Amino acid sequence: SIFKELSDADLAAVEQAMKCTDVWKYRYRQIGELSGGERQRVWLSLSLAQEPNILLLDEPTTYLDSRHQIELMELVKRTQRERNIMVVM
């Protein structure tokens, strides 16, 4: 149920995903306060916290500057290797 308390494992997965995507520092901010690029990383973090076998990404670098585009793509590649998940873009 969406109304149940998160388990310790759930909380650990969320924290790990947020740290992996460098959005942990935004954990107390509202999504509307974030820039487009920050939101993109939050959405990726949300997906990774669910520990998927397949990750579907539609234009994952939208709203990101060049530096963050490269960082995000490197993050996706590293995550794909480390978690052994299929990534479809």
PDB file of N, CA and C in Angstrom:
ATOM      1  N   SER A   1       0.837  -1.184   0.000  1.00  0.00           N
ATOM      2  CA  SER A   1       0.000   0.000   0.000  1.00  0.00           C
ATOM      3  C   SER A   1       0.881   1.246   0.000  1.00  0.00           C
ATOM      4  N   ILE A   2       0.431   2.286  -0.640  1.00  0.00           N
ATOM      5  CA  ILE A   2       1.209   3.521  -0.677  1.00  0.00           C
ATOM      6  C   ILE A   2       1.165   4.262   0.656  1.00  0.00           C
ATOM      7  N   PHE A   3       0.303   3.839   1.555  1.00  0.00           N
ATOM      8  CA  PHE A   3       0.151   4.531   2.827  1.00  0.00           C
ATOM      9  C   PHE A   3       0.919   3.876   3.969  1.00  0.00           C
ATOM     10  N   LYS A   4       1.625   2.790   3.701  1.00  0.00           N
ATOM     11  CA  LYS A   4       2.358   2.126   4.778  1.00  0.00           C
ATOM     12  C   LYS A   4       3.683   2.833   5.039  1.00  0.00           C
ATOM     13  N   GLU A   5       4.221   2.617   6.210  1.00  0.00           N
ATOM     14  CA  GLU A   5       5.514   3.183   6.582  1.00  0.00           C
ATOM     15  C   GLU A   5       6.611   2.524   5.750  1.00  0.00           C
ATOM     16  N   LEU A   6       7.630   3.302   5.423  1.00  0.00           N
ATOM     17  CA  LEU A   6       8.764   2.748   4.701  1.00  0.00           C
ATOM     18  C   LEU A   6       9.602   1.899   5.647  1.00  0.00           C
ATOM     19  N   SER A   7      10.076   0.775   5.141  1.00  0.00           N
ATOM     20  CA  SER A   7      10.943  -0.086   5.945  1.00  0.00           C
ATOM     21  C   SER A   7      12.349   0.508   5.980  1.00  0.00           C
ATOM     22  N   ASP A   8      13.189  -0.028   6.846  1.00  0.00           N
ATOM     23  CA  ASP A   8      14.581   0.418   6.898  1.00  0.00           C
ATOM     24  C   ASP A   8      15.274   0.168   5.562  1.00  0.00           C
ATOM     25  N   ALA A   9      14.943  -0.952   4.918  1.00  0.00           N
ATOM     26  CA  ALA A   9      15.530  -1.263   3.608  1.00  0.00           C
ATOM     27  C   ALA A   9      15.087  -0.241   2.562  1.00  0.00           C
ATOM     28  N   ASP A  10      13.813   0.159   2.612  1.00  0.00           N
ATOM     29  CA  ASP A  10      13.311   1.187   1.689  1.00  0.00           C
ATOM     30  C   ASP A  10      14.051   2.506   1.895  1.00  0.00           C
ATOM     31  N   LEU A  11      14.180   2.908   3.143  1.00  0.00           N
ATOM     32  CA  LEU A  11      14.865   4.166   3.457  1.00  0.00           C
ATOM     33  C   LEU A  11      16.326   4.121   3.019  1.00  0.00           C
ATOM     34  N   ALA A  12      16.977   2.979   3.207  1.00  0.00           N
ATOM     35  CA  ALA A  12      18.374   2.830   2.785  1.00  0.00           C
ATOM     36  C   ALA A  12      18.493   2.917   1.268  1.00  0.00           C
ATOM     37  N   ALA A  13      17.545   2.316   0.542  1.00  0.00           N
ATOM     38  CA  ALA A  13      17.564   2.372  -0.925  1.00  0.00           C
ATOM     39  C   ALA A  13      17.368   3.802  -1.414  1.00  0.00           C
ATOM     40  N   VAL A  14      16.478   4.534  -0.773  1.00  0.00           N
ATOM     41  CA  VAL A  14      16.237   5.936  -1.140  1.00  0.00           C
ATOM     42  C   VAL A  14      17.486   6.769  -0.874  1.00  0.00           C
ATOM     43  N   GLU A  15      18.071   6.601   0.300  1.00  0.00           N
ATOM     44  CA  GLU A  15      19.273   7.371   0.639  1.00  0.00           C
ATOM     45  C   GLU A  15      20.414   7.059  -0.325  1.00  0.00           C
ATOM     46  N   GLN A  16      20.617   5.784  -0.618  1.00  0.00           N
ATOM     47  CA  GLN A  16      21.689   5.396  -1.537  1.00  0.00           C
ATOM     48  C   GLN A  16      21.462   6.000  -2.922  1.00  0.00           C
ATOM     49  N   ALA A  17      20.241   5.936  -3.419  1.00  0.00           N
ATOM     50  CA  ALA A  17      19.936   6.482  -4.743  1.00  0.00           C
ATOM     51  C   ALA A  17      20.125   7.994  -4.766  1.00  0.00           C
ATOM     52  N   MET A  18      19.708   8.663  -3.698  1.00  0.00           N
ATOM     53  CA  MET A  18      19.862  10.119  -3.643  1.00  0.00           C
ATOM     54  C   MET A  18      21.330  10.525  -3.583  1.00  0.00           C
ATOM     55  N   LYS A  19      22.127   9.786  -2.842  1.00  0.00           N
ATOM     56  CA  LYS A  19      23.554  10.095  -2.761  1.00  0.00           C
ATOM     57  C   LYS A  19      24.246   9.774  -4.080  1.00  0.00           C
ATOM     58  N   CYS A  20      23.846   8.686  -4.707  1.00  0.00           N
ATOM     59  CA  CYS A  20      24.424   8.273  -5.986  1.00  0.00           C
ATOM     60  C   CYS A  20      24.194   9.328  -7.063  1.00  0.00           C
ATOM     61  N   THR A  21      23.059   9.974  -7.043  1.00  0.00           N
ATOM     62  CA  THR A  21      22.720  10.983  -8.049  1.00  0.00           C
ATOM     63  C   THR A  21      22.989  12.409  -7.565  1.00  0.00           C
ATOM     64  N   ASP A  22      23.619  12.526  -6.418  1.00  0.00           N
ATOM     65  CA  ASP A  22      24.023  13.819  -5.853  1.00  0.00           C
ATOM     66  C   ASP A  22      22.834  14.749  -5.603  1.00  0.00           C
ATOM     67  N   VAL A  23      21.744  14.183  -5.100  1.00  0.00           N
ATOM     68  CA  VAL A  23      20.587  15.010  -4.732  1.00  0.00           C
ATOM     69  C   VAL A  23      20.270  14.930  -3.239  1.00  0.00           C
ATOM     70  N   TRP A  24      21.102  14.241  -2.484  1.00  0.00           N
ATOM     71  CA  TRP A  24      20.882  14.117  -1.038  1.00  0.00           C
ATOM     72  C   TRP A  24      20.784  15.488  -0.379  1.00  0.00           C
ATOM     73  N   LYS A  25      21.575  16.424  -0.879  1.00  0.00           N
ATOM     74  CA  LYS A  25      21.590  17.771  -0.292  1.00  0.00           C
ATOM     75  C   LYS A  25      20.261  18.503  -0.479  1.00  0.00           C
ATOM     76  N   TYR A  26      19.392  18.009  -1.363  1.00  0.00           N
ATOM     77  CA  TYR A  26      18.094  18.641  -1.615  1.00  0.00           C
ATOM     78  C   TYR A  26      16.954  17.962  -0.864  1.00  0.00           C
ATOM     79  N   ARG A  27      17.258  17.050   0.020  1.00  0.00           N
ATOM     80  CA  ARG A  27      16.212  16.216   0.628  1.00  0.00           C
ATOM     81  C   ARG A  27      15.157  16.992   1.409  1.00  0.00           C
ATOM     82  N   TYR A  28      15.455  18.193   1.852  1.00  0.00           N
ATOM     83  CA  TYR A  28      14.474  18.980   2.604  1.00  0.00           C
ATOM     84  C   TYR A  28      13.836  20.081   1.765  1.00  0.00           C
ATOM     85  N   ARG A  29      14.119  20.095   0.481  1.00  0.00           N
ATOM     86  CA  ARG A  29      13.564  21.133  -0.393  1.00  0.00           C
ATOM     87  C   ARG A  29      12.372  20.588  -1.168  1.00  0.00           C
ATOM     88  N   GLN A  30      11.470  21.466  -1.528  1.00  0.00           N
ATOM     89  CA  GLN A  30      10.328  21.107  -2.358  1.00  0.00           C
ATOM     90  C   GLN A  30      10.789  20.976  -3.805  1.00  0.00           C
ATOM     91  N   ILE A  31      10.183  20.079  -4.552  1.00  0.00           N
ATOM     92  CA  ILE A  31      10.584  19.855  -5.945  1.00  0.00           C
ATOM     93  C   ILE A  31      10.449  21.134  -6.770  1.00  0.00           C
ATOM     94  N   GLY A  32       9.474  21.964  -6.458  1.00  0.00           N
ATOM     95  CA  GLY A  32       9.275  23.210  -7.188  1.00  0.00           C
ATOM     96  C   GLY A  32      10.389  24.223  -6.993  1.00  0.00           C
ATOM     97  N   GLU A  33      11.208  24.039  -5.976  1.00  0.00           N
ATOM     98  CA  GLU A  33      12.322  24.944  -5.709  1.00  0.00           C
ATOM     99  C   GLU A  33      13.577  24.579  -6.503  1.00  0.00           C
ATOM    100  N   LEU A  34      13.575  23.423  -7.137  1.00  0.00           N
ATOM    101  CA  LEU A  34      14.771  22.926  -7.823  1.00  0.00           C
ATOM    102  C   LEU A  34      14.809  23.377  -9.277  1.00  0.00           C
ATOM    103  N   SER A  35      16.018  23.471  -9.812  1.00  0.00           N
ATOM    104  CA  SER A  35      16.176  23.799 -11.230  1.00  0.00           C
ATOM    105  C   SER A  35      15.775  22.588 -12.071  1.00  0.00           C
ATOM    106  N   GLY A  36      15.664  22.784 -13.362  1.00  0.00           N
ATOM    107  CA  GLY A  36      15.306  21.684 -14.254  1.00  0.00           C
ATOM    108  C   GLY A  36      16.294  20.535 -14.182  1.00  0.00           C
ATOM    109  N   GLY A  37      17.575  20.861 -14.154  1.00  0.00           N
ATOM    110  CA  GLY A  37      18.602  19.823 -14.070  1.00  0.00           C
ATOM    111  C   GLY A  37      18.569  19.079 -12.751  1.00  0.00           C
ATOM    112  N   GLU A  38      18.335  19.805 -11.669  1.00  0.00           N
ATOM    113  CA  GLU A  38      18.228  19.167 -10.359  1.00  0.00           C
ATOM    114  C   GLU A  38      17.026  18.233 -10.328  1.00  0.00           C
ATOM    115  N   ARG A  39      15.950  18.665 -10.949  1.00  0.00           N
ATOM    116  CA  ARG A  39      14.757  17.805 -11.009  1.00  0.00           C
ATOM    117  C   ARG A  39      15.042  16.528 -11.793  1.00  0.00           C
ATOM    118  N   GLN A  40      15.779  16.643 -12.900  1.00  0.00           N
ATOM    119  CA  GLN A  40      16.117  15.463 -13.697  1.00  0.00           C
ATOM    120  C   GLN A  40      16.852  14.441 -12.834  1.00  0.00           C
ATOM    121  N   ARG A  41      17.807  14.910 -12.035  1.00  0.00           N
ATOM    122  CA  ARG A  41      18.558  13.994 -11.172  1.00  0.00           C
ATOM    123  C   ARG A  41      17.667  13.417 -10.074  1.00  0.00           C
ATOM    124  N   VAL A  42      16.707  14.203  -9.588  1.00  0.00           N
ATOM    125  CA  VAL A  42      15.762  13.681  -8.592  1.00  0.00           C
ATOM    126  C   VAL A  42      14.914  12.572  -9.210  1.00  0.00           C
ATOM    127  N   TRP A  43      14.440  12.777 -10.446  1.00  0.00           N
ATOM    128  CA  TRP A  43      13.620  11.743 -11.106  1.00  0.00           C
ATOM    129  C   TRP A  43      14.431  10.470 -11.316  1.00  0.00           C
ATOM    130  N   LEU A  44      15.710  10.609 -11.691  1.00  0.00           N
ATOM    131  CA  LEU A  44      16.566   9.433 -11.853  1.00  0.00           C
ATOM    132  C   LEU A  44      16.746   8.739 -10.507  1.00  0.00           C
ATOM    133  N   SER A  45      16.954   9.516  -9.469  1.00  0.00           N
ATOM    134  CA  SER A  45      17.096   8.958  -8.127  1.00  0.00           C
ATOM    135  C   SER A  45      15.844   8.182  -7.724  1.00  0.00           C
ATOM    136  N   LEU A  46      14.689   8.753  -8.011  1.00  0.00           N
ATOM    137  CA  LEU A  46      13.420   8.089  -7.708  1.00  0.00           C
ATOM    138  C   LEU A  46      13.346   6.725  -8.395  1.00  0.00           C
ATOM    139  N   SER A  47      13.765   6.688  -9.647  1.00  0.00           N
ATOM    140  CA  SER A  47      13.751   5.427 -10.394  1.00  0.00           C
ATOM    141  C   SER A  47      14.727   4.420  -9.801  1.00  0.00           C
ATOM    142  N   LEU A  48      15.938   4.873  -9.475  1.00  0.00           N
ATOM    143  CA  LEU A  48      16.960   3.968  -8.945  1.00  0.00           C
ATOM    144  C   LEU A  48      16.593   3.428  -7.568  1.00  0.00           C
ATOM    145  N   ALA A  49      15.887   4.212  -6.772  1.00  0.00           N
ATOM    146  CA  ALA A  49      15.492   3.772  -5.431  1.00  0.00           C
ATOM    147  C   ALA A  49      14.555   2.573  -5.489  1.00  0.00           C
ATOM    148  N   GLN A  50      13.888   2.393  -6.611  1.00  0.00           N
ATOM    149  CA  GLN A  50      12.973   1.265  -6.770  1.00  0.00           C
ATOM    150  C   GLN A  50      13.698  -0.004  -7.199  1.00  0.00           C
ATOM    151  N   GLU A  51      15.026   0.105  -7.371  1.00  0.00           N
ATOM    152  CA  GLU A  51      15.896  -1.019  -7.716  1.00  0.00           C
ATOM    153  C   GLU A  51      15.360  -1.811  -8.911  1.00  0.00           C
ATOM    154  N   PRO A  52      15.218  -1.140 -10.046  1.00  0.00           N
ATOM    155  CA  PRO A  52      14.652  -1.802 -11.226  1.00  0.00           C
ATOM    156  C   PRO A  52      15.647  -2.741 -11.909  1.00  0.00           C
ATOM    157  N   ASN A  53      15.126  -3.680 -12.677  1.00  0.00           N
ATOM    158  CA  ASN A  53      15.960  -4.518 -13.540  1.00  0.00           C
ATOM    159  C   ASN A  53      16.168  -3.835 -14.882  1.00  0.00           C
ATOM    160  N   ILE A  54      15.183  -3.029 -15.283  1.00  0.00           N
ATOM    161  CA  ILE A  54      15.249  -2.277 -16.539  1.00  0.00           C
ATOM    162  C   ILE A  54      14.947  -0.819 -16.211  1.00  0.00           C
ATOM    163  N   LEU A  55      15.776   0.070 -16.741  1.00  0.00           N
ATOM    164  CA  LEU A  55      15.592   1.501 -16.524  1.00  0.00           C
ATOM    165  C   LEU A  55      15.298   2.148 -17.870  1.00  0.00           C
ATOM    166  N   LEU A  56      14.100   2.703 -18.021  1.00  0.00           N
ATOM    167  CA  LEU A  56      13.703   3.379 -19.253  1.00  0.00           C
ATOM    168  C   LEU A  56      13.884   4.879 -19.068  1.00  0.00           C
ATOM    169  N   LEU A  57      14.733   5.475 -19.895  1.00  0.00           N
ATOM    170  CA  LEU A  57      15.026   6.903 -19.779  1.00  0.00           C
ATOM    171  C   LEU A  57      14.650   7.603 -21.074  1.00  0.00           C
ATOM    172  N   ASP A  58      13.769   8.567 -20.987  1.00  0.00           N
ATOM    173  CA  ASP A  58      13.358   9.357 -22.144  1.00  0.00           C
ATOM    174  C   ASP A  58      13.971  10.742 -22.007  1.00  0.00           C
ATOM    175  N   GLU A  59      14.936  11.039 -22.832  1.00  0.00           N
ATOM    176  CA  GLU A  59      15.634  12.326 -22.822  1.00  0.00           C
ATOM    177  C   GLU A  59      16.142  12.686 -21.420  1.00  0.00           C
ATOM    178  N   PRO A  60      16.989  11.834 -20.837  1.00  0.00           N
ATOM    179  CA  PRO A  60      17.435  12.061 -19.459  1.00  0.00           C
ATOM    180  C   PRO A  60      18.305  13.297 -19.265  1.00  0.00           C
ATOM    181  N   THR A  61      18.860  13.841 -20.336  1.00  0.00           N
ATOM    182  CA  THR A  61      19.741  15.004 -20.187  1.00  0.00           C
ATOM    183  C   THR A  61      19.037  16.333 -20.457  1.00  0.00           C
ATOM    184  N   THR A  62      17.725  16.299 -20.643  1.00  0.00           N
ATOM    185  CA  THR A  62      16.965  17.535 -20.838  1.00  0.00           C
ATOM    186  C   THR A  62      17.165  18.452 -19.634  1.00  0.00           C
ATOM    187  N   TYR A  63      17.337  19.727 -19.889  1.00  0.00           N
ATOM    188  CA  TYR A  63      17.522  20.774 -18.875  1.00  0.00           C
ATOM    189  C   TYR A  63      18.907  20.778 -18.224  1.00  0.00           C
ATOM    190  N   LEU A  64      19.790  19.876 -18.642  1.00  0.00           N
ATOM    191  CA  LEU A  64      21.117  19.832 -18.042  1.00  0.00           C
ATOM    192  C   LEU A  64      22.120  20.587 -18.899  1.00  0.00           C
ATOM    193  N   ASP A  65      23.051  21.274 -18.243  1.00  0.00           N
ATOM    194  CA  ASP A  65      24.133  21.901 -18.993  1.00  0.00           C
ATOM    195  C   ASP A  65      25.111  20.800 -19.418  1.00  0.00           C
ATOM    196  N   SER A  66      26.079  21.153 -20.247  1.00  0.00           N
ATOM    197  CA  SER A  66      26.997  20.157 -20.818  1.00  0.00           C
ATOM    198  C   SER A  66      27.700  19.336 -19.747  1.00  0.00           C
ATOM    199  N   ARG A  67      28.189  19.993 -18.725  1.00  0.00           N
ATOM    200  CA  ARG A  67      28.907  19.283 -17.658  1.00  0.00           C
ATOM    201  C   ARG A  67      28.002  18.261 -16.976  1.00  0.00           C
ATOM    202  N   HIS A  68      26.776  18.659 -16.663  1.00  0.00           N
ATOM    203  CA  HIS A  68      25.860  17.743 -15.990  1.00  0.00           C
ATOM    204  C   HIS A  68      25.339  16.658 -16.933  1.00  0.00           C
ATOM    205  N   GLN A  69      25.269  16.937 -18.234  1.00  0.00           N
ATOM    206  CA  GLN A  69      24.898  15.897 -19.192  1.00  0.00           C
ATOM    207  C   GLN A  69      25.919  14.771 -19.154  1.00  0.00           C
ATOM    208  N   ILE A  70      27.194  15.147 -19.192  1.00  0.00           N
ATOM    209  CA  ILE A  70      28.262  14.146 -19.158  1.00  0.00           C
ATOM    210  C   ILE A  70      28.233  13.392 -17.835  1.00  0.00           C
ATOM    211  N   GLU A  71      28.096  14.119 -16.731  1.00  0.00           N
ATOM    212  CA  GLU A  71      28.045  13.482 -15.416  1.00  0.00           C
ATOM    213  C   GLU A  71      26.880  12.505 -15.316  1.00  0.00           C
ATOM    214  N   LEU A  72      25.717  12.908 -15.823  1.00  0.00           N
ATOM    215  CA  LEU A  72      24.548  12.040 -15.749  1.00  0.00           C
ATOM    216  C   LEU A  72      24.746  10.781 -16.585  1.00  0.00           C
ATOM    217  N   MET A  73      25.290  10.932 -17.785  1.00  0.00           N
ATOM    218  CA  MET A  73      25.502   9.762 -18.631  1.00  0.00           C
ATOM    219  C   MET A  73      26.549   8.827 -18.020  1.00  0.00           C
ATOM    220  N   GLU A  74      27.587   9.381 -17.399  1.00  0.00           N
ATOM    221  CA  GLU A  74      28.566   8.545 -16.699  1.00  0.00           C
ATOM    222  C   GLU A  74      27.916   7.837 -15.517  1.00  0.00           C
ATOM    223  N   LEU A  75      27.039   8.538 -14.819  1.00  0.00           N
ATOM    224  CA  LEU A  75      26.310   7.943 -13.704  1.00  0.00           C
ATOM    225  C   LEU A  75      25.431   6.794 -14.187  1.00  0.00           C
ATOM    226  N   VAL A  76      24.743   6.996 -15.290  1.00  0.00           N
ATOM    227  CA  VAL A  76      23.884   5.942 -15.841  1.00  0.00           C
ATOM    228  C   VAL A  76      24.730   4.730 -16.223  1.00  0.00           C
ATOM    229  N   LYS A  77      25.866   4.957 -16.879  1.00  0.00           N
ATOM    230  CA  LYS A  77      26.750   3.845 -17.264  1.00  0.00           C
ATOM    231  C   LYS A  77      27.265   3.102 -16.035  1.00  0.00           C
ATOM    232  N   ARG A  78      27.722   3.856 -15.038  1.00  0.00           N
ATOM    233  CA  ARG A  78      28.249   3.234 -13.821  1.00  0.00           C
ATOM    234  C   ARG A  78      27.156   2.438 -13.107  1.00  0.00           C
ATOM    235  N   THR A  79      25.973   3.020 -13.024  1.00  0.00           N
ATOM    236  CA  THR A  79      24.857   2.342 -12.372  1.00  0.00           C
ATOM    237  C   THR A  79      24.488   1.070 -13.121  1.00  0.00           C
ATOM    238  N   GLN A  80      24.512   1.143 -14.434  1.00  0.00           N
ATOM    239  CA  GLN A  80      24.204  -0.029 -15.257  1.00  0.00           C
ATOM    240  C   GLN A  80      25.179  -1.160 -14.941  1.00  0.00           C
ATOM    241  N   ARG A  81      26.455  -0.835 -14.856  1.00  0.00           N
ATOM    242  CA  ARG A  81      27.467  -1.858 -14.555  1.00  0.00           C
ATOM    243  C   ARG A  81      27.332  -2.380 -13.129  1.00  0.00           C
ATOM    244  N   GLU A  82      27.253  -1.466 -12.170  1.00  0.00           N
ATOM    245  CA  GLU A  82      27.250  -1.857 -10.761  1.00  0.00           C
ATOM    246  C   GLU A  82      25.994  -2.614 -10.357  1.00  0.00           C
ATOM    247  N   ARG A  83      24.865  -2.217 -10.883  1.00  0.00           N
ATOM    248  CA  ARG A  83      23.595  -2.847 -10.496  1.00  0.00           C
ATOM    249  C   ARG A  83      23.129  -3.897 -11.493  1.00  0.00           C
ATOM    250  N   ASN A  84      23.888  -4.024 -12.576  1.00  0.00           N
ATOM    251  CA  ASN A  84      23.570  -5.005 -13.615  1.00  0.00           C
ATOM    252  C   ASN A  84      22.128  -4.845 -14.107  1.00  0.00           C
ATOM    253  N   ILE A  85      21.782  -3.607 -14.475  1.00  0.00           N
ATOM    254  CA  ILE A  85      20.444  -3.345 -14.995  1.00  0.00           C
ATOM    255  C   ILE A  85      20.530  -2.959 -16.467  1.00  0.00           C
ATOM    256  N   MET A  86      19.477  -3.210 -17.175  1.00  0.00           N
ATOM    257  CA  MET A  86      19.389  -2.822 -18.575  1.00  0.00           C
ATOM    258  C   MET A  86      18.873  -1.385 -18.636  1.00  0.00           C
ATOM    259  N   VAL A  87      19.543  -0.576 -19.445  1.00  0.00           N
ATOM    260  CA  VAL A  87      19.129   0.813 -19.617  1.00  0.00           C
ATOM    261  C   VAL A  87      18.688   1.007 -21.060  1.00  0.00           C
ATOM    262  N   VAL A  88      17.493   1.544 -21.245  1.00  0.00           N
ATOM    263  CA  VAL A  88      16.948   1.822 -22.573  1.00  0.00           C
ATOM    264  C   VAL A  88      16.699   3.318 -22.666  1.00  0.00           C
ATOM    265  N   MET A  89      17.289   3.939 -23.707  1.00  0.00           N
ATOM    266  CA  MET A  89      17.089   5.382 -23.915  1.00  0.00           C
ATOM    267  C   MET A  89      16.513   5.610 -25.286  1.00  0.00           C
TER     268      MET A  89
END
